[in-house]
Amino acid sequence: MTDDGPLLGRRERRKLATRHALSSAALQLAVERGLENVTIEDITARADVSLRTFRNFFASKYEAICAIAAHRARHIGASLLERPASGPLWDAIVNAMLEHYQEARGMQSVT
């Protein structure tokens, strides 16, 4: 099981990897150069993909930059919804965050 549902096929894993590479490249470039100094062409060059591939995943550089954080927020939110409402909120938040980052670390060591 992955955080994106059942085990994914090769094609789906490649699509997720490409999406992550683009988003990661966009974020890195924005940090290095400042958002206004980053173009989609810069992002595609850093991720080593075509402009068409970028457009298959994102409508703008802003969407690409936010994709990792948006995915993280959805994952943590889903984890919070699965927890019992009777427990302390702070503990639920901390545990959901830790769970997400432990899974993310595990995924990095697998790839």
Protein backbone atom coordinates (compact mmCIF):
# COMPACT_ATOMS: atom_id res chain seq x y z
CA MET A 1 0.00 0.00 0.00
CA THR A 2 1.23 3.50 -0.75
CA ASP A 3 -0.07 6.86 0.40
CA ASP A 4 -1.71 7.16 -3.01
CA GLY A 5 -3.82 4.02 -2.67
CA PRO A 6 -3.16 0.40 -3.58
CA LEU A 7 0.17 -0.66 -5.02
CA LEU A 8 0.68 1.16 -8.27
CA GLY A 9 1.76 -0.24 -11.60
CA ARG A 10 4.98 0.77 -13.31
CA ARG A 11 3.32 3.45 -15.46
CA GLU A 12 1.64 5.09 -12.47
CA ARG A 13 4.86 5.02 -10.46
CA ARG A 14 6.72 6.68 -13.34
CA LYS A 15 4.04 9.37 -13.60
CA LEU A 16 4.26 10.07 -9.87
CA ALA A 17 8.06 10.18 -10.08
CA THR A 18 7.90 12.65 -12.97
CA ARG A 19 5.37 14.83 -11.16
CA HIS A 20 7.55 14.81 -8.05
CA ALA A 21 10.71 15.60 -10.07
CA LEU A 22 9.00 18.59 -11.70
CA SER A 23 7.61 19.90 -8.43
CA SER A 24 10.92 19.40 -6.67
CA ALA A 25 12.82 21.16 -9.46
CA ALA A 26 10.37 24.07 -9.37
CA LEU A 27 10.71 24.47 -5.63
CA GLN A 28 14.52 24.20 -5.69
CA LEU A 29 14.80 26.79 -8.45
CA ALA A 30 12.43 29.17 -6.67
CA VAL A 31 14.53 28.93 -3.52
CA GLU A 32 17.79 29.40 -5.46
CA ARG A 33 16.72 32.22 -7.79
CA GLY A 34 13.50 33.69 -6.43
CA LEU A 35 10.11 32.85 -7.86
CA GLU A 36 10.04 35.67 -10.39
CA ASN A 37 13.34 34.44 -11.88
CA VAL A 38 12.14 30.92 -12.67
CA THR A 39 10.55 29.90 -15.96
CA ILE A 40 8.81 26.71 -16.92
CA GLU A 41 11.69 26.07 -19.31
CA ASP A 42 14.10 26.24 -16.36
CA ILE A 43 11.99 23.72 -14.48
CA THR A 44 11.81 21.29 -17.41
CA ALA A 45 15.56 21.55 -17.96
CA ARG A 46 16.27 20.81 -14.28
CA ALA A 47 13.86 17.84 -14.32
CA ASP A 48 15.13 16.72 -17.76
CA VAL A 49 11.68 16.55 -19.34
CA SER A 50 9.94 18.30 -22.21
CA LEU A 51 7.67 21.33 -21.99
CA ARG A 52 4.83 19.09 -23.14
CA THR A 53 5.47 16.74 -20.22
CA PHE A 54 5.34 19.69 -17.83
CA ARG A 55 1.99 20.76 -19.31
CA ASN A 56 0.63 17.22 -18.82
CA PHE A 57 1.11 17.63 -15.09
CA PHE A 58 0.84 21.34 -14.28
CA ALA A 59 -0.83 24.45 -15.64
CA SER A 60 1.76 26.86 -14.23
CA LYS A 61 5.02 27.12 -12.34
CA TYR A 62 3.00 28.14 -9.28
CA GLU A 63 1.04 24.90 -9.35
CA ALA A 64 4.27 22.91 -9.72
CA ILE A 65 5.90 24.69 -6.78
CA CYS A 66 2.90 24.01 -4.53
CA ALA A 67 2.32 20.39 -5.56
CA ILE A 68 4.53 18.73 -2.92
CA ALA A 69 3.04 20.79 -0.08
CA ALA A 70 -0.50 20.21 -1.35
CA HIS A 71 0.09 16.46 -1.50
CA ARG A 72 1.55 16.52 2.01
CA ALA A 73 -1.44 18.48 3.35
CA ARG A 74 -3.93 16.06 1.75
CA HIS A 75 -2.09 13.06 3.16
CA ILE A 76 -1.85 14.48 6.67
CA GLY A 77 -5.49 15.60 6.55
CA ALA A 78 -6.61 12.11 5.52
CA SER A 79 -4.57 10.63 8.36
CA LEU A 80 -6.21 13.00 10.84
CA LEU A 81 -9.66 12.01 9.62
CA GLU A 82 -8.86 8.35 10.31
CA ARG A 83 -7.98 9.01 13.94
CA PRO A 84 -10.58 8.79 16.72
CA ALA A 85 -12.26 12.11 17.47
CA SER A 86 -12.13 11.36 21.20
CA GLY A 87 -8.32 11.65 21.39
CA PRO A 88 -6.40 14.86 22.12
CA LEU A 89 -6.12 17.03 18.99
CA TRP A 90 -2.46 17.91 19.53
CA ASP A 91 -1.47 14.23 19.79
CA ALA A 92 -3.42 13.44 16.62
CA ILE A 93 -1.67 16.24 14.71
CA VAL A 94 1.80 15.26 15.92
CA ASN A 95 1.22 11.59 15.13
CA ALA A 96 -0.18 12.33 11.67
CA MET A 97 2.83 14.52 10.85
CA LEU A 98 5.33 11.97 12.14
CA GLU A 99 3.59 9.18 10.25
CA HIS A 100 3.77 11.14 7.00
CA TYR A 101 7.47 11.92 7.31
CA GLN A 102 8.37 8.38 8.40
CA GLU A 103 6.55 7.01 5.34
CA ALA A 104 8.24 9.59 3.11
CA ARG A 105 11.65 8.59 4.46
CA GLY A 106 10.85 4.92 3.89
CA MET A 107 9.78 5.64 0.30
CA GLN A 108 13.10 7.41 -0.39
CA SER A 109 15.13 4.44 0.80
CA VAL A 110 13.12 2.10 -1.47
CA THR A 111 13.68 4.13 -4.64
